[in-house]
Amino acid sequence: MNDQLQVFENQPIRTAWDNDNEEWYFSIVDVIRVLTGSKDPNAYWRKLKQRLKEEGNQTVTNCHALKMRARDGKQRLADVATTEQLLRLIQSIPSPKAEPFKMWLAEVGRERIDETIDPELTIDRALETYSRLGYSPEWINQRLQTIRARKELTDEWKAHGVREGLENAILTDEVTKAWSGMTTRRYKDLKGLKKENLRDNMSTLELALNMLAEATTTELTKAQNPQGLSQNQVVAREGGSIAGNARKEIEARTGQPVITSKNAAKLNFVVTNLIENVADQTEDDSDQSK
């Protein structure tokens, strides 16, 4: 666990990052303090926890304690909640500051229902989100293609006896390591990522090679018909290695590594600067011609 301090409206909230489960844990009393302004958030939490238990609320039962740094600097046990648990608890806290969370949850719920009725809305929202975050049209197009390639691969794995969840993650790790030379976790660490999506933080070339690895694995799976996890691991390594060879060839010819430590923020910063520099140069040229 890695202890960190997050800030909400200039007030600190203790958090802990679980690297193995890729999950944030938040100090419940800290959240209660910032949402309610209570002078004794511990007492508030005790009463709330008791009431929720009496109501049969399973969220409280599933919450557990972690050692976090207290105000005296010592590590002390504190009740914590995951993001999902925290959002559920917020529903039981009568606070004006909690309303934005409740509205957000309602909006997410409505969007999910809409997307079930019309799946194309999911793609539209993805386009809008990526564009709003500053991704280039070329990157967005490439990213959407990787989503399709990923879906085709996981469908093949399912049809060949691979269980969703852990086994999918194991095979993804095999493909990633075979083409990039790193496990998924190490790749994320290189880019300074926690729970963020790795593909959302890849360059266009990284995306292309990752898609080649997954698309190749899909075709090999169809051709070789592996069954179960162990046989699919062999095919996953084979498919990833083909893209890995392409990566090595590109690096040999360009003299530059394909894998970059830049994450989305850094990649978009580079693109933004490039656009701004071109715009500035255009303006300078225009001024000089007058």
C-alpha atoms as a PDB file:
ATOM      1  CA  MET A   1       0.000   0.000   0.000  1.00  0.00           C
ATOM      2  CA  ASN A   2       1.241   3.490  -0.886  1.00  0.00           C
ATOM      3  CA  ASP A   3      -0.120   6.247   1.364  1.00  0.00           C
ATOM      4  CA  GLN A   4      -0.922   9.519  -0.364  1.00  0.00           C
ATOM      5  CA  LEU A   5      -2.761  12.723   0.440  1.00  0.00           C
ATOM      6  CA  GLN A   6      -5.484  13.948  -1.894  1.00  0.00           C
ATOM      7  CA  VAL A   7      -7.135  17.371  -1.661  1.00  0.00           C
ATOM      8  CA  PHE A   8     -10.846  18.148  -1.955  1.00  0.00           C
ATOM      9  CA  GLU A   9     -11.780  21.839  -1.737  1.00  0.00           C
ATOM     10  CA  ASN A  10      -8.429  22.584  -0.081  1.00  0.00           C
ATOM     11  CA  GLN A  11      -8.998  19.946   2.605  1.00  0.00           C
ATOM     12  CA  PRO A  12      -6.821  16.818   2.832  1.00  0.00           C
ATOM     13  CA  ILE A  13      -8.139  13.293   2.414  1.00  0.00           C
ATOM     14  CA  ARG A  14      -5.874  10.372   3.247  1.00  0.00           C
ATOM     15  CA  THR A  15      -5.723   7.693   0.578  1.00  0.00           C
ATOM     16  CA  ALA A  16      -3.864   4.455  -0.057  1.00  0.00           C
ATOM     17  CA  TRP A  17      -3.107   2.856  -3.402  1.00  0.00           C
ATOM     18  CA  ASP A  18      -3.220  -0.941  -3.651  1.00  0.00           C
ATOM     19  CA  ASN A  19      -0.804  -1.750  -6.481  1.00  0.00           C
ATOM     20  CA  ASP A  20      -1.825  -5.418  -6.724  1.00  0.00           C
ATOM     21  CA  ASN A  21      -5.571  -4.773  -7.010  1.00  0.00           C
ATOM     22  CA  GLU A  22      -5.166  -1.370  -8.703  1.00  0.00           C
ATOM     23  CA  GLU A  23      -7.622   0.192  -6.268  1.00  0.00           C
ATOM     24  CA  TRP A  24      -7.770   3.449  -4.312  1.00  0.00           C
ATOM     25  CA  TYR A  25      -8.826   3.389  -0.656  1.00  0.00           C
ATOM     26  CA  PHE A  26     -10.095   6.582   1.003  1.00  0.00           C
ATOM     27  CA  SER A  27     -10.255   7.463   4.680  1.00  0.00           C
ATOM     28  CA  ILE A  28     -13.984   7.586   5.457  1.00  0.00           C
ATOM     29  CA  VAL A  29     -13.694  10.032   8.376  1.00  0.00           C
ATOM     30  CA  ASP A  30     -11.702  12.433   6.183  1.00  0.00           C
ATOM     31  CA  VAL A  31     -14.433  12.371   3.553  1.00  0.00           C
ATOM     32  CA  ILE A  32     -17.097  12.893   6.213  1.00  0.00           C
ATOM     33  CA  ARG A  33     -15.158  15.839   7.605  1.00  0.00           C
ATOM     34  CA  VAL A  34     -14.982  17.662   4.257  1.00  0.00           C
ATOM     35  CA  LEU A  35     -18.575  16.875   3.301  1.00  0.00           C
ATOM     36  CA  THR A  36     -20.251  17.700   6.608  1.00  0.00           C
ATOM     37  CA  GLY A  37     -17.863  20.090   8.317  1.00  0.00           C
ATOM     38  CA  SER A  38     -18.302  17.994  11.461  1.00  0.00           C
ATOM     39  CA  LYS A  39     -15.954  18.842  14.324  1.00  0.00           C
ATOM     40  CA  ASP A  40     -15.992  15.177  15.339  1.00  0.00           C
ATOM     41  CA  PRO A  41     -16.105  13.114  12.115  1.00  0.00           C
ATOM     42  CA  ASN A  42     -15.216   9.966  14.055  1.00  0.00           C
ATOM     43  CA  ALA A  43     -18.404  10.253  16.129  1.00  0.00           C
ATOM     44  CA  TYR A  44     -20.392  11.056  12.980  1.00  0.00           C
ATOM     45  CA  TRP A  45     -19.033   7.934  11.317  1.00  0.00           C
ATOM     46  CA  ARG A  46     -19.762   5.735  14.331  1.00  0.00           C
ATOM     47  CA  LYS A  47     -23.417   6.820  14.352  1.00  0.00           C
ATOM     48  CA  LEU A  48     -23.737   6.518  10.571  1.00  0.00           C
ATOM     49  CA  LYS A  49     -22.124   3.082  10.574  1.00  0.00           C
ATOM     50  CA  GLN A  50     -24.451   1.863  13.326  1.00  0.00           C
ATOM     51  CA  ARG A  51     -27.533   3.145  11.477  1.00  0.00           C
ATOM     52  CA  LEU A  52     -26.462   1.574   8.199  1.00  0.00           C
ATOM     53  CA  LYS A  53     -25.791  -1.761   9.892  1.00  0.00           C
ATOM     54  CA  GLU A  54     -29.260  -1.698  11.439  1.00  0.00           C
ATOM     55  CA  GLU A  55     -30.668  -1.060   7.970  1.00  0.00           C
ATOM     56  CA  GLY A  56     -28.764  -4.070   6.656  1.00  0.00           C
ATOM     57  CA  ASN A  57     -26.484  -2.002   4.437  1.00  0.00           C
ATOM     58  CA  GLN A  58     -23.777  -4.319   3.070  1.00  0.00           C
ATOM     59  CA  THR A  59     -21.468  -1.437   2.118  1.00  0.00           C
ATOM     60  CA  VAL A  60     -20.524  -0.889   5.765  1.00  0.00           C
ATOM     61  CA  THR A  61     -19.938  -4.600   6.285  1.00  0.00           C
ATOM     62  CA  ASN A  62     -17.540  -4.725   3.330  1.00  0.00           C
ATOM     63  CA  CYS A  63     -15.504  -1.704   4.445  1.00  0.00           C
ATOM     64  CA  HIS A  64     -12.291  -2.517   6.280  1.00  0.00           C
ATOM     65  CA  ALA A  65      -9.439  -0.738   8.035  1.00  0.00           C
ATOM     66  CA  LEU A  66      -5.950   0.150   6.889  1.00  0.00           C
ATOM     67  CA  LYS A  67      -3.043   1.789   8.668  1.00  0.00           C
ATOM     68  CA  MET A  68      -2.817   5.443   7.674  1.00  0.00           C
ATOM     69  CA  ARG A  69      -0.777   8.351   8.948  1.00  0.00           C
ATOM     70  CA  ALA A  70      -2.660  10.157  11.719  1.00  0.00           C
ATOM     71  CA  ARG A  71      -2.280  13.838  12.650  1.00  0.00           C
ATOM     72  CA  ASP A  72       0.366  12.911  15.225  1.00  0.00           C
ATOM     73  CA  GLY A  73       2.451  11.372  12.436  1.00  0.00           C
ATOM     74  CA  LYS A  74       1.936   7.801  13.605  1.00  0.00           C
ATOM     75  CA  GLN A  75       0.432   4.970  11.551  1.00  0.00           C
ATOM     76  CA  ARG A  76      -3.008   4.147  12.956  1.00  0.00           C
ATOM     77  CA  LEU A  77      -5.885   1.986  11.733  1.00  0.00           C
ATOM     78  CA  ALA A  78      -8.546   3.950   9.865  1.00  0.00           C
ATOM     79  CA  ASP A  79     -11.791   2.792   8.251  1.00  0.00           C
ATOM     80  CA  VAL A  80     -11.443   3.028   4.490  1.00  0.00           C
ATOM     81  CA  ALA A  81     -13.665   2.597   1.446  1.00  0.00           C
ATOM     82  CA  THR A  82     -13.038   1.921  -2.218  1.00  0.00           C
ATOM     83  CA  THR A  83     -14.330   4.404  -4.773  1.00  0.00           C
ATOM     84  CA  GLU A  84     -17.505   2.374  -5.300  1.00  0.00           C
ATOM     85  CA  GLN A  85     -18.136   1.941  -1.571  1.00  0.00           C
ATOM     86  CA  LEU A  86     -17.477   5.615  -0.956  1.00  0.00           C
ATOM     87  CA  LEU A  87     -19.973   6.735  -3.575  1.00  0.00           C
ATOM     88  CA  ARG A  88     -22.591   4.522  -1.951  1.00  0.00           C
ATOM     89  CA  LEU A  89     -21.859   5.910   1.508  1.00  0.00           C
ATOM     90  CA  ILE A  90     -22.149   9.469   0.233  1.00  0.00           C
ATOM     91  CA  GLN A  91     -25.779   8.751  -0.597  1.00  0.00           C
ATOM     92  CA  SER A  92     -26.409   8.458   3.179  1.00  0.00           C
ATOM     93  CA  ILE A  93     -24.721  11.743   4.078  1.00  0.00           C
ATOM     94  CA  PRO A  94     -27.118  14.740   4.025  1.00  0.00           C
ATOM     95  CA  SER A  95     -24.747  17.418   2.801  1.00  0.00           C
ATOM     96  CA  PRO A  96     -25.011  20.071   0.064  1.00  0.00           C
ATOM     97  CA  LYS A  97     -21.487  19.096  -0.993  1.00  0.00           C
ATOM     98  CA  ALA A  98     -22.676  15.541  -1.609  1.00  0.00           C
ATOM     99  CA  GLU A  99     -25.239  16.653  -4.185  1.00  0.00           C
ATOM    100  CA  PRO A 100     -22.762  16.919  -7.090  1.00  0.00           C
ATOM    101  CA  PHE A 101     -21.790  13.299  -6.438  1.00  0.00           C
ATOM    102  CA  LYS A 102     -25.432  12.213  -6.386  1.00  0.00           C
ATOM    103  CA  MET A 103     -26.197  14.112  -9.595  1.00  0.00           C
ATOM    104  CA  TRP A 104     -23.152  12.570 -11.238  1.00  0.00           C
ATOM    105  CA  LEU A 105     -24.246   9.076 -10.230  1.00  0.00           C
ATOM    106  CA  ALA A 106     -27.727   9.705 -11.607  1.00  0.00           C
ATOM    107  CA  GLU A 107     -26.260  10.962 -14.882  1.00  0.00           C
ATOM    108  CA  VAL A 108     -23.976   7.935 -15.191  1.00  0.00           C
ATOM    109  CA  GLY A 109     -26.942   5.649 -14.541  1.00  0.00           C
ATOM    110  CA  ARG A 110     -29.055   7.396 -17.162  1.00  0.00           C
ATOM    111  CA  GLU A 111     -26.256   7.239 -19.722  1.00  0.00           C
ATOM    112  CA  ARG A 112     -25.766   3.529 -19.076  1.00  0.00           C
ATOM    113  CA  ILE A 113     -29.464   2.866 -19.739  1.00  0.00           C
ATOM    114  CA  ASP A 114     -29.338   4.968 -22.921  1.00  0.00           C
ATOM    115  CA  GLU A 115     -26.262   3.090 -24.119  1.00  0.00           C
ATOM    116  CA  THR A 116     -27.980  -0.250 -23.520  1.00  0.00           C
ATOM    117  CA  ILE A 117     -30.822   0.866 -25.781  1.00  0.00           C
ATOM    118  CA  ASP A 118     -28.513   2.462 -28.375  1.00  0.00           C
ATOM    119  CA  PRO A 119     -24.894   1.147 -28.155  1.00  0.00           C
ATOM    120  CA  GLU A 120     -23.765   3.689 -30.764  1.00  0.00           C
ATOM    121  CA  LEU A 121     -24.049   6.341 -28.041  1.00  0.00           C
ATOM    122  CA  THR A 122     -21.105   4.700 -26.287  1.00  0.00           C
ATOM    123  CA  ILE A 123     -18.916   5.356 -29.318  1.00  0.00           C
ATOM    124  CA  ASP A 124     -20.199   8.925 -29.645  1.00  0.00           C
ATOM    125  CA  ARG A 125     -19.424   9.664 -25.999  1.00  0.00           C
ATOM    126  CA  ALA A 126     -15.984   8.109 -26.346  1.00  0.00           C
ATOM    127  CA  LEU A 127     -15.251  10.390 -29.305  1.00  0.00           C
ATOM    128  CA  GLU A 128     -16.442  13.457 -27.399  1.00  0.00           C
ATOM    129  CA  THR A 129     -14.449  12.514 -24.288  1.00  0.00           C
ATOM    130  CA  TYR A 130     -11.181  11.883 -26.123  1.00  0.00           C
ATOM    131  CA  SER A 131     -11.585  15.074 -28.141  1.00  0.00           C
ATOM    132  CA  ARG A 132     -12.300  17.100 -25.001  1.00  0.00           C
ATOM    133  CA  LEU A 133      -9.176  15.671 -23.359  1.00  0.00           C
ATOM    134  CA  GLY A 134      -7.059  17.002 -26.212  1.00  0.00           C
ATOM    135  CA  TYR A 135      -6.332  13.869 -28.218  1.00  0.00           C
ATOM    136  CA  SER A 136      -5.723  14.357 -31.944  1.00  0.00           C
ATOM    137  CA  PRO A 137      -8.273  13.031 -34.493  1.00  0.00           C
ATOM    138  CA  GLU A 138      -5.619  10.583 -35.770  1.00  0.00           C
ATOM    139  CA  TRP A 139      -5.015   9.196 -32.276  1.00  0.00           C
ATOM    140  CA  ILE A 140      -8.758   8.905 -31.596  1.00  0.00           C
ATOM    141  CA  ASN A 141      -9.289   6.961 -34.821  1.00  0.00           C
ATOM    142  CA  GLN A 142      -6.463   4.604 -33.906  1.00  0.00           C
ATOM    143  CA  ARG A 143      -7.805   4.163 -30.372  1.00  0.00           C
ATOM    144  CA  LEU A 144     -11.280   3.198 -31.597  1.00  0.00           C
ATOM    145  CA  GLN A 145      -9.740   0.586 -33.868  1.00  0.00           C
ATOM    146  CA  THR A 146      -7.852  -0.899 -30.915  1.00  0.00           C
ATOM    147  CA  ILE A 147     -11.130  -1.197 -29.002  1.00  0.00           C
ATOM    148  CA  ARG A 148     -12.589  -3.279 -31.830  1.00  0.00           C
ATOM    149  CA  ALA A 149      -9.446  -5.431 -32.068  1.00  0.00           C
ATOM    150  CA  ARG A 150      -9.512  -5.995 -28.304  1.00  0.00           C
ATOM    151  CA  LYS A 151     -13.175  -7.062 -28.380  1.00  0.00           C
ATOM    152  CA  GLU A 152     -12.506  -9.547 -31.183  1.00  0.00           C
ATOM    153  CA  LEU A 153      -9.626 -11.041 -29.189  1.00  0.00           C
ATOM    154  CA  THR A 154     -11.537 -11.422 -25.932  1.00  0.00           C
ATOM    155  CA  ASP A 155     -14.439 -12.992 -27.845  1.00  0.00           C
ATOM    156  CA  GLU A 156     -12.021 -15.573 -29.285  1.00  0.00           C
ATOM    157  CA  TRP A 157     -10.525 -16.258 -25.873  1.00  0.00           C
ATOM    158  CA  LYS A 158     -13.985 -16.829 -24.443  1.00  0.00           C
ATOM    159  CA  ALA A 159     -14.829 -19.202 -27.300  1.00  0.00           C
ATOM    160  CA  HIS A 160     -11.626 -21.130 -26.577  1.00  0.00           C
ATOM    161  CA  GLY A 161     -12.221 -21.804 -22.899  1.00  0.00           C
ATOM    162  CA  VAL A 162     -10.700 -18.705 -21.310  1.00  0.00           C
ATOM    163  CA  ARG A 163     -12.588 -17.299 -18.352  1.00  0.00           C
ATOM    164  CA  GLU A 164     -13.192 -13.568 -18.087  1.00  0.00           C
ATOM    165  CA  GLY A 165     -11.403 -11.615 -15.383  1.00  0.00           C
ATOM    166  CA  LEU A 166      -8.161 -13.072 -14.071  1.00  0.00           C
ATOM    167  CA  GLU A 167      -7.474 -15.394 -17.026  1.00  0.00           C
ATOM    168  CA  ASN A 168      -8.091 -12.559 -19.511  1.00  0.00           C
ATOM    169  CA  ALA A 169      -5.643 -10.427 -17.516  1.00  0.00           C
ATOM    170  CA  ILE A 170      -3.028 -13.195 -17.558  1.00  0.00           C
ATOM    171  CA  LEU A 171      -3.260 -13.555 -21.336  1.00  0.00           C
ATOM    172  CA  THR A 172      -3.194  -9.782 -21.832  1.00  0.00           C
ATOM    173  CA  ASP A 173      -0.002  -9.719 -19.800  1.00  0.00           C
ATOM    174  CA  GLU A 174       1.490 -12.398 -22.057  1.00  0.00           C
ATOM    175  CA  VAL A 175       0.656 -10.430 -25.218  1.00  0.00           C
ATOM    176  CA  THR A 176       1.921  -7.145 -23.761  1.00  0.00           C
ATOM    177  CA  LYS A 177       5.182  -8.613 -22.504  1.00  0.00           C
ATOM    178  CA  ALA A 178       5.831 -10.389 -25.813  1.00  0.00           C
ATOM    179  CA  TRP A 179       5.535  -7.248 -27.933  1.00  0.00           C
ATOM    180  CA  SER A 180       6.752  -4.536 -25.547  1.00  0.00           C
ATOM    181  CA  GLY A 181       9.199  -6.475 -23.394  1.00  0.00           C
ATOM    182  CA  MET A 182       7.315  -5.472 -20.247  1.00  0.00           C
ATOM    183  CA  THR A 183       4.423  -6.749 -18.193  1.00  0.00           C
ATOM    184  CA  THR A 184       1.323  -4.557 -18.152  1.00  0.00           C
ATOM    185  CA  ARG A 185       2.103  -3.389 -14.606  1.00  0.00           C
ATOM    186  CA  ARG A 186       5.696  -2.497 -15.451  1.00  0.00           C
ATOM    187  CA  TYR A 187       4.491  -0.684 -18.579  1.00  0.00           C
ATOM    188  CA  LYS A 188       2.100   1.353 -16.419  1.00  0.00           C
ATOM    189  CA  ASP A 189       4.839   2.097 -13.919  1.00  0.00           C
ATOM    190  CA  LEU A 190       7.045   3.375 -16.743  1.00  0.00           C
ATOM    191  CA  LYS A 191       4.326   5.869 -17.665  1.00  0.00           C
ATOM    192  CA  GLY A 192       3.595   6.790 -14.053  1.00  0.00           C
ATOM    193  CA  LEU A 193       0.081   5.347 -14.136  1.00  0.00           C
ATOM    194  CA  LYS A 194      -2.063   3.965 -11.332  1.00  0.00           C
ATOM    195  CA  LYS A 195      -5.584   2.904 -12.298  1.00  0.00           C
ATOM    196  CA  GLU A 196      -5.591   4.756 -15.631  1.00  0.00           C
ATOM    197  CA  ASN A 197      -6.082   2.817 -18.845  1.00  0.00           C
ATOM    198  CA  LEU A 198      -2.723   1.932 -20.409  1.00  0.00           C
ATOM    199  CA  ARG A 199      -3.981   2.239 -23.991  1.00  0.00           C
ATOM    200  CA  ASP A 200      -5.265   5.757 -23.294  1.00  0.00           C
ATOM    201  CA  ASN A 201      -1.682   6.673 -22.483  1.00  0.00           C
ATOM    202  CA  MET A 202       0.016   5.160 -25.523  1.00  0.00           C
ATOM    203  CA  SER A 203       1.395   7.030 -28.503  1.00  0.00           C
ATOM    204  CA  THR A 204      -0.104   6.333 -31.935  1.00  0.00           C
ATOM    205  CA  LEU A 205       2.754   3.941 -32.735  1.00  0.00           C
ATOM    206  CA  GLU A 206       2.423   2.124 -29.417  1.00  0.00           C
ATOM    207  CA  LEU A 207      -1.301   1.720 -30.101  1.00  0.00           C
ATOM    208  CA  ALA A 208      -0.609   0.395 -33.597  1.00  0.00           C
ATOM    209  CA  LEU A 209       1.816  -2.257 -32.353  1.00  0.00           C
ATOM    210  CA  ASN A 210      -0.445  -3.236 -29.468  1.00  0.00           C
ATOM    211  CA  MET A 211      -3.313  -3.648 -31.940  1.00  0.00           C
ATOM    212  CA  LEU A 212      -1.067  -5.697 -34.251  1.00  0.00           C
ATOM    213  CA  ALA A 213      -0.188  -7.969 -31.324  1.00  0.00           C
ATOM    214  CA  GLU A 214      -3.836  -8.493 -30.354  1.00  0.00           C
ATOM    215  CA  ALA A 215      -5.126  -8.857 -33.933  1.00  0.00           C
ATOM    216  CA  THR A 216      -2.384 -11.385 -34.705  1.00  0.00           C
ATOM    217  CA  THR A 217      -3.202 -13.327 -31.552  1.00  0.00           C
ATOM    218  CA  THR A 218      -6.849 -13.381 -32.615  1.00  0.00           C
ATOM    219  CA  GLU A 219      -5.999 -14.880 -36.009  1.00  0.00           C
ATOM    220  CA  LEU A 220      -3.590 -17.423 -34.511  1.00  0.00           C
ATOM    221  CA  THR A 221      -6.228 -18.446 -31.983  1.00  0.00           C
ATOM    222  CA  LYS A 222      -8.705 -19.084 -34.792  1.00  0.00           C
ATOM    223  CA  ALA A 223      -6.134 -21.087 -36.764  1.00  0.00           C
ATOM    224  CA  GLN A 224      -4.590 -23.129 -33.937  1.00  0.00           C
ATOM    225  CA  ASN A 225      -7.751 -23.642 -31.852  1.00  0.00           C
ATOM    226  CA  PRO A 226      -6.103 -23.683 -28.380  1.00  0.00           C
ATOM    227  CA  GLN A 227      -8.257 -24.715 -25.441  1.00  0.00           C
ATOM    228  CA  GLY A 228      -7.989 -23.421 -21.890  1.00  0.00           C
ATOM    229  CA  LEU A 229      -5.586 -21.004 -20.273  1.00  0.00           C
ATOM    230  CA  SER A 230      -2.259 -22.803 -20.726  1.00  0.00           C
ATOM    231  CA  GLN A 231      -2.685 -23.451 -24.463  1.00  0.00           C
ATOM    232  CA  ASN A 232      -3.893 -19.903 -25.052  1.00  0.00           C
ATOM    233  CA  GLN A 233      -0.842 -18.561 -23.202  1.00  0.00           C
ATOM    234  CA  VAL A 234       1.408 -20.159 -25.820  1.00  0.00           C
ATOM    235  CA  VAL A 235      -0.579 -18.567 -28.655  1.00  0.00           C
ATOM    236  CA  ALA A 236      -0.684 -15.208 -26.863  1.00  0.00           C
ATOM    237  CA  ARG A 237       3.103 -15.161 -26.580  1.00  0.00           C
ATOM    238  CA  GLU A 238       3.400 -16.117 -30.252  1.00  0.00           C
ATOM    239  CA  GLY A 239       1.037 -13.377 -31.388  1.00  0.00           C
ATOM    240  CA  GLY A 240       2.698 -10.765 -29.216  1.00  0.00           C
ATOM    241  CA  SER A 241       6.170 -11.790 -30.423  1.00  0.00           C
ATOM    242  CA  ILE A 242       5.268 -11.035 -34.038  1.00  0.00           C
ATOM    243  CA  ALA A 243       4.453  -7.449 -33.067  1.00  0.00           C
ATOM    244  CA  GLY A 244       7.553  -7.460 -30.871  1.00  0.00           C
ATOM    245  CA  ASN A 245       9.700  -8.255 -33.905  1.00  0.00           C
ATOM    246  CA  ALA A 246       8.055  -5.364 -35.761  1.00  0.00           C
ATOM    247  CA  ARG A 247       8.887  -3.072 -32.825  1.00  0.00           C
ATOM    248  CA  LYS A 248      12.532  -4.132 -32.888  1.00  0.00           C
ATOM    249  CA  GLU A 249      12.718  -3.578 -36.661  1.00  0.00           C
ATOM    250  CA  ILE A 250      11.268  -0.067 -36.303  1.00  0.00           C
ATOM    251  CA  GLU A 251      13.699   0.760 -33.516  1.00  0.00           C
ATOM    252  CA  ALA A 252      16.651  -0.571 -35.545  1.00  0.00           C
ATOM    253  CA  ARG A 253      15.751   1.592 -38.539  1.00  0.00           C
ATOM    254  CA  THR A 254      14.847   4.766 -36.633  1.00  0.00           C
ATOM    255  CA  GLY A 255      17.377   4.529 -33.853  1.00  0.00           C
ATOM    256  CA  GLN A 256      14.624   5.511 -31.412  1.00  0.00           C
ATOM    257  CA  PRO A 257      12.729   3.429 -28.839  1.00  0.00           C
ATOM    258  CA  VAL A 258       9.065   2.813 -29.636  1.00  0.00           C
ATOM    259  CA  ILE A 259       8.055   2.499 -25.984  1.00  0.00           C
ATOM    260  CA  THR A 260       7.776   5.918 -24.369  1.00  0.00           C
ATOM    261  CA  SER A 261       7.450   6.935 -20.735  1.00  0.00           C
ATOM    262  CA  LYS A 262       5.122   9.759 -21.782  1.00  0.00           C
ATOM    263  CA  ASN A 263       1.550   9.418 -20.533  1.00  0.00           C
ATOM    264  CA  ALA A 264      -1.559  11.094 -21.965  1.00  0.00           C
ATOM    265  CA  ALA A 265      -0.912  14.418 -20.261  1.00  0.00           C
ATOM    266  CA  LYS A 266       2.649  14.598 -21.581  1.00  0.00           C
ATOM    267  CA  LEU A 267       1.735  13.335 -25.041  1.00  0.00           C
ATOM    268  CA  ASN A 268      -1.051  15.885 -25.397  1.00  0.00           C
ATOM    269  CA  PHE A 269       1.235  18.621 -24.065  1.00  0.00           C
ATOM    270  CA  VAL A 270       3.713  17.865 -26.856  1.00  0.00           C
ATOM    271  CA  VAL A 271       0.957  17.940 -29.488  1.00  0.00           C
ATOM    272  CA  THR A 272      -0.484  21.172 -28.094  1.00  0.00           C
ATOM    273  CA  ASN A 273       2.923  22.845 -28.086  1.00  0.00           C
ATOM    274  CA  LEU A 274       3.523  21.720 -31.655  1.00  0.00           C
ATOM    275  CA  ILE A 275       0.214  23.205 -32.807  1.00  0.00           C
ATOM    276  CA  GLU A 276       0.841  26.432 -30.909  1.00  0.00           C
ATOM    277  CA  ASN A 277       4.377  26.743 -32.329  1.00  0.00           C
ATOM    278  CA  VAL A 278       3.076  26.273 -35.869  1.00  0.00           C
ATOM    279  CA  ALA A 279       0.374  28.877 -35.224  1.00  0.00           C
ATOM    280  CA  ASP A 280       2.929  31.324 -33.785  1.00  0.00           C
ATOM    281  CA  GLN A 281       5.262  30.797 -36.738  1.00  0.00           C
ATOM    282  CA  THR A 282       2.383  31.378 -39.157  1.00  0.00           C
ATOM    283  CA  GLU A 283       1.516  34.632 -37.397  1.00  0.00           C
ATOM    284  CA  ASP A 284       5.187  35.719 -37.458  1.00  0.00           C
ATOM    285  CA  ASP A 285       5.447  34.986 -41.180  1.00  0.00           C
ATOM    286  CA  SER A 286       2.231  36.911 -41.769  1.00  0.00           C
ATOM    287  CA  ASP A 287       3.490  39.920 -39.782  1.00  0.00           C
ATOM    288  CA  GLN A 288       6.793  39.955 -41.669  1.00  0.00           C
ATOM    289  CA  SER A 289       5.046  39.925 -45.005  1.00  0.00           C
ATOM    290  CA  LYS A 290       3.120  43.105 -44.170  1.00  0.00           C
END
